[in-house]
Amino acid sequence: MKFIDAVLDKIFRKNINIVYCQNLYLSDGLTEKKADKLKKKIEAGKGSGCLLLKSDNKDDCIDIVTSFQLKSKVWEGKSVVCIGLADSKDGAVSLVESMIRDCIDKTGKTDLKEYICSL
């Protein structure tokens, strides 16, 4: 497995700048301590989890990206804003549900894009 990781490290780029929101959404069971460890692993190109990113696309509000996808050339040299961290895809979907509930509770509207921009 270490050989495969070494090959992937040479093939894929890791120079992506991840900026984490101060009030980062975390999936159930993911404590602050576990989240910090997961962040370090993801930034080193070794962790497995999902990040909820503010979307650059004007039609979308959130991109759910696996840590493996961040190794793609598409992300090379980009700076992204992480608004949520999950240990699985199911956890990421649950986080989006939580964000929608929070958006409605705090703003009284369903404008998730506006709410995310305020984070």
C-alpha atoms as a PDB file:
ATOM      1  CA  MET A   1       0.000   0.000   0.000  1.00  0.00           C
ATOM      2  CA  LYS A   2       2.874   2.394   0.705  1.00  0.00           C
ATOM      3  CA  PHE A   3       4.122   1.863  -2.856  1.00  0.00           C
ATOM      4  CA  ILE A   4       0.732   2.849  -4.276  1.00  0.00           C
ATOM      5  CA  ASP A   5       0.649   5.960  -2.049  1.00  0.00           C
ATOM      6  CA  ALA A   6       4.130   6.935  -3.243  1.00  0.00           C
ATOM      7  CA  VAL A   7       3.117   6.548  -6.898  1.00  0.00           C
ATOM      8  CA  LEU A   8      -0.073   8.549  -6.358  1.00  0.00           C
ATOM      9  CA  ASP A   9       1.916  11.299  -4.633  1.00  0.00           C
ATOM     10  CA  LYS A  10       4.099  11.650  -7.723  1.00  0.00           C
ATOM     11  CA  ILE A  11       1.197  11.550 -10.173  1.00  0.00           C
ATOM     12  CA  PHE A  12      -1.228  13.835  -8.378  1.00  0.00           C
ATOM     13  CA  ARG A  13      -0.592  17.374  -7.288  1.00  0.00           C
ATOM     14  CA  LYS A  14      -1.224  18.515  -3.752  1.00  0.00           C
ATOM     15  CA  ASN A  15      -0.648  22.242  -3.945  1.00  0.00           C
ATOM     16  CA  ILE A  16      -4.173  23.226  -3.043  1.00  0.00           C
ATOM     17  CA  ASN A  17      -4.846  25.845  -0.402  1.00  0.00           C
ATOM     18  CA  ILE A  18      -7.718  24.864   1.902  1.00  0.00           C
ATOM     19  CA  VAL A  19      -9.142  27.613   4.098  1.00  0.00           C
ATOM     20  CA  TYR A  20     -11.427  26.328   6.848  1.00  0.00           C
ATOM     21  CA  CYS A  21     -14.382  28.403   8.088  1.00  0.00           C
ATOM     22  CA  GLN A  22     -14.210  29.390  11.718  1.00  0.00           C
ATOM     23  CA  ASN A  23     -17.577  27.733  12.419  1.00  0.00           C
ATOM     24  CA  LEU A  24     -16.856  24.534  10.490  1.00  0.00           C
ATOM     25  CA  TYR A  25     -19.740  22.094  10.223  1.00  0.00           C
ATOM     26  CA  LEU A  26     -18.685  18.617  11.401  1.00  0.00           C
ATOM     27  CA  SER A  27     -20.472  15.339  10.760  1.00  0.00           C
ATOM     28  CA  ASP A  28     -21.882  13.326  13.655  1.00  0.00           C
ATOM     29  CA  GLY A  29     -19.178  11.524  15.600  1.00  0.00           C
ATOM     30  CA  LEU A  30     -16.447  13.829  14.333  1.00  0.00           C
ATOM     31  CA  THR A  31     -15.064  15.731  17.314  1.00  0.00           C
ATOM     32  CA  GLU A  32     -12.849  18.816  17.066  1.00  0.00           C
ATOM     33  CA  LYS A  33      -9.827  16.672  17.852  1.00  0.00           C
ATOM     34  CA  LYS A  34     -10.683  14.075  15.199  1.00  0.00           C
ATOM     35  CA  ALA A  35     -11.449  16.861  12.720  1.00  0.00           C
ATOM     36  CA  ASP A  36      -8.012  18.420  13.286  1.00  0.00           C
ATOM     37  CA  LYS A  37      -6.356  15.057  12.632  1.00  0.00           C
ATOM     38  CA  LEU A  38      -8.467  14.530   9.515  1.00  0.00           C
ATOM     39  CA  LYS A  39      -7.575  18.019   8.216  1.00  0.00           C
ATOM     40  CA  LYS A  40      -3.864  17.301   8.588  1.00  0.00           C
ATOM     41  CA  LYS A  41      -4.202  13.962   6.808  1.00  0.00           C
ATOM     42  CA  ILE A  42      -6.222  15.476   3.967  1.00  0.00           C
ATOM     43  CA  GLU A  43      -3.720  18.316   3.536  1.00  0.00           C
ATOM     44  CA  ALA A  44      -0.921  15.724   3.422  1.00  0.00           C
ATOM     45  CA  GLY A  45      -2.838  13.831   0.726  1.00  0.00           C
ATOM     46  CA  LYS A  46      -3.422  10.784   2.903  1.00  0.00           C
ATOM     47  CA  GLY A  47      -6.753  11.240   4.677  1.00  0.00           C
ATOM     48  CA  SER A  48     -10.082   9.906   3.570  1.00  0.00           C
ATOM     49  CA  GLY A  49     -13.117  12.065   4.116  1.00  0.00           C
ATOM     50  CA  CYS A  50     -15.420  14.526   2.424  1.00  0.00           C
ATOM     51  CA  LEU A  51     -15.152  18.273   2.352  1.00  0.00           C
ATOM     52  CA  LEU A  52     -18.050  20.620   1.775  1.00  0.00           C
ATOM     53  CA  LEU A  53     -16.666  23.557  -0.173  1.00  0.00           C
ATOM     54  CA  LYS A  54     -18.141  26.903  -1.115  1.00  0.00           C
ATOM     55  CA  SER A  55     -18.798  26.506  -4.805  1.00  0.00           C
ATOM     56  CA  ASP A  56     -17.115  28.741  -7.380  1.00  0.00           C
ATOM     57  CA  ASN A  57     -19.910  27.908  -9.790  1.00  0.00           C
ATOM     58  CA  LYS A  58     -22.612  30.599  -9.770  1.00  0.00           C
ATOM     59  CA  ASP A  59     -25.375  27.995 -10.099  1.00  0.00           C
ATOM     60  CA  ASP A  60     -24.273  25.889  -7.124  1.00  0.00           C
ATOM     61  CA  CYS A  61     -23.698  26.702  -3.466  1.00  0.00           C
ATOM     62  CA  ILE A  62     -21.839  23.657  -2.163  1.00  0.00           C
ATOM     63  CA  ASP A  63     -19.420  21.193  -3.692  1.00  0.00           C
ATOM     64  CA  ILE A  64     -19.046  17.860  -1.912  1.00  0.00           C
ATOM     65  CA  VAL A  65     -15.546  16.627  -2.668  1.00  0.00           C
ATOM     66  CA  THR A  66     -13.730  13.551  -1.426  1.00  0.00           C
ATOM     67  CA  SER A  67     -10.173  13.943  -0.236  1.00  0.00           C
ATOM     68  CA  PHE A  68      -9.061  11.717  -3.121  1.00  0.00           C
ATOM     69  CA  GLN A  69     -10.645  14.072  -5.668  1.00  0.00           C
ATOM     70  CA  LEU A  70      -8.542  16.943  -4.311  1.00  0.00           C
ATOM     71  CA  LYS A  71      -5.469  15.217  -5.727  1.00  0.00           C
ATOM     72  CA  SER A  72      -6.726  15.800  -9.264  1.00  0.00           C
ATOM     73  CA  LYS A  73      -5.116  18.338 -11.594  1.00  0.00           C
ATOM     74  CA  VAL A  74      -8.425  20.227 -11.586  1.00  0.00           C
ATOM     75  CA  TRP A  75      -7.669  21.525  -8.090  1.00  0.00           C
ATOM     76  CA  GLU A  76      -4.000  22.321  -8.715  1.00  0.00           C
ATOM     77  CA  GLY A  77      -3.079  25.796  -7.512  1.00  0.00           C
ATOM     78  CA  LYS A  78      -6.604  26.615  -6.339  1.00  0.00           C
ATOM     79  CA  SER A  79      -7.684  28.068  -3.053  1.00  0.00           C
ATOM     80  CA  VAL A  80     -10.930  26.677  -1.637  1.00  0.00           C
ATOM     81  CA  VAL A  81     -13.085  27.506   1.376  1.00  0.00           C
ATOM     82  CA  CYS A  82     -14.175  24.500   3.403  1.00  0.00           C
ATOM     83  CA  ILE A  83     -17.461  24.976   5.276  1.00  0.00           C
ATOM     84  CA  GLY A  84     -17.939  21.387   6.405  1.00  0.00           C
ATOM     85  CA  LEU A  85     -15.978  18.232   7.080  1.00  0.00           C
ATOM     86  CA  ALA A  86     -17.376  14.709   7.109  1.00  0.00           C
ATOM     87  CA  ASP A  87     -15.899  11.266   7.513  1.00  0.00           C
ATOM     88  CA  SER A  88     -18.119   9.780   4.764  1.00  0.00           C
ATOM     89  CA  LYS A  89     -20.391  10.732   1.867  1.00  0.00           C
ATOM     90  CA  ASP A  90     -23.461   9.957   3.970  1.00  0.00           C
ATOM     91  CA  GLY A  91     -22.094  12.251   6.674  1.00  0.00           C
ATOM     92  CA  ALA A  92     -21.624  14.982   4.060  1.00  0.00           C
ATOM     93  CA  VAL A  93     -25.250  14.695   2.942  1.00  0.00           C
ATOM     94  CA  SER A  94     -26.371  14.920   6.586  1.00  0.00           C
ATOM     95  CA  LEU A  95     -24.275  18.074   6.963  1.00  0.00           C
ATOM     96  CA  VAL A  96     -26.035  19.684   4.012  1.00  0.00           C
ATOM     97  CA  GLU A  97     -29.364  18.855   5.655  1.00  0.00           C
ATOM     98  CA  SER A  98     -28.124  20.530   8.864  1.00  0.00           C
ATOM     99  CA  MET A  99     -27.032  23.594   6.899  1.00  0.00           C
ATOM    100  CA  ILE A 100     -30.456  23.894   5.291  1.00  0.00           C
ATOM    101  CA  ARG A 101     -32.154  23.641   8.698  1.00  0.00           C
ATOM    102  CA  ASP A 102     -29.788  26.254  10.145  1.00  0.00           C
ATOM    103  CA  CYS A 103     -30.382  28.528   7.167  1.00  0.00           C
ATOM    104  CA  ILE A 104     -34.132  28.413   7.677  1.00  0.00           C
ATOM    105  CA  ASP A 105     -33.838  28.824  11.463  1.00  0.00           C
ATOM    106  CA  LYS A 106     -31.433  31.773  11.306  1.00  0.00           C
ATOM    107  CA  THR A 107     -32.692  33.660   8.263  1.00  0.00           C
ATOM    108  CA  GLY A 108     -36.286  32.500   7.856  1.00  0.00           C
ATOM    109  CA  LYS A 109     -35.530  31.879   4.186  1.00  0.00           C
ATOM    110  CA  THR A 110     -34.343  28.973   2.097  1.00  0.00           C
ATOM    111  CA  ASP A 111     -31.600  30.933   0.331  1.00  0.00           C
ATOM    112  CA  LEU A 112     -28.761  28.560   1.142  1.00  0.00           C
ATOM    113  CA  LYS A 113     -26.307  30.356  -1.123  1.00  0.00           C
ATOM    114  CA  GLU A 114     -26.755  33.638   0.760  1.00  0.00           C
ATOM    115  CA  TYR A 115     -26.464  31.820   4.101  1.00  0.00           C
ATOM    116  CA  ILE A 116     -23.250  30.059   3.065  1.00  0.00           C
ATOM    117  CA  CYS A 117     -21.724  33.344   1.913  1.00  0.00           C
ATOM    118  CA  SER A 118     -22.334  34.717   5.395  1.00  0.00           C
ATOM    119  CA  LEU A 119     -20.315  31.920   7.046  1.00  0.00           C
END
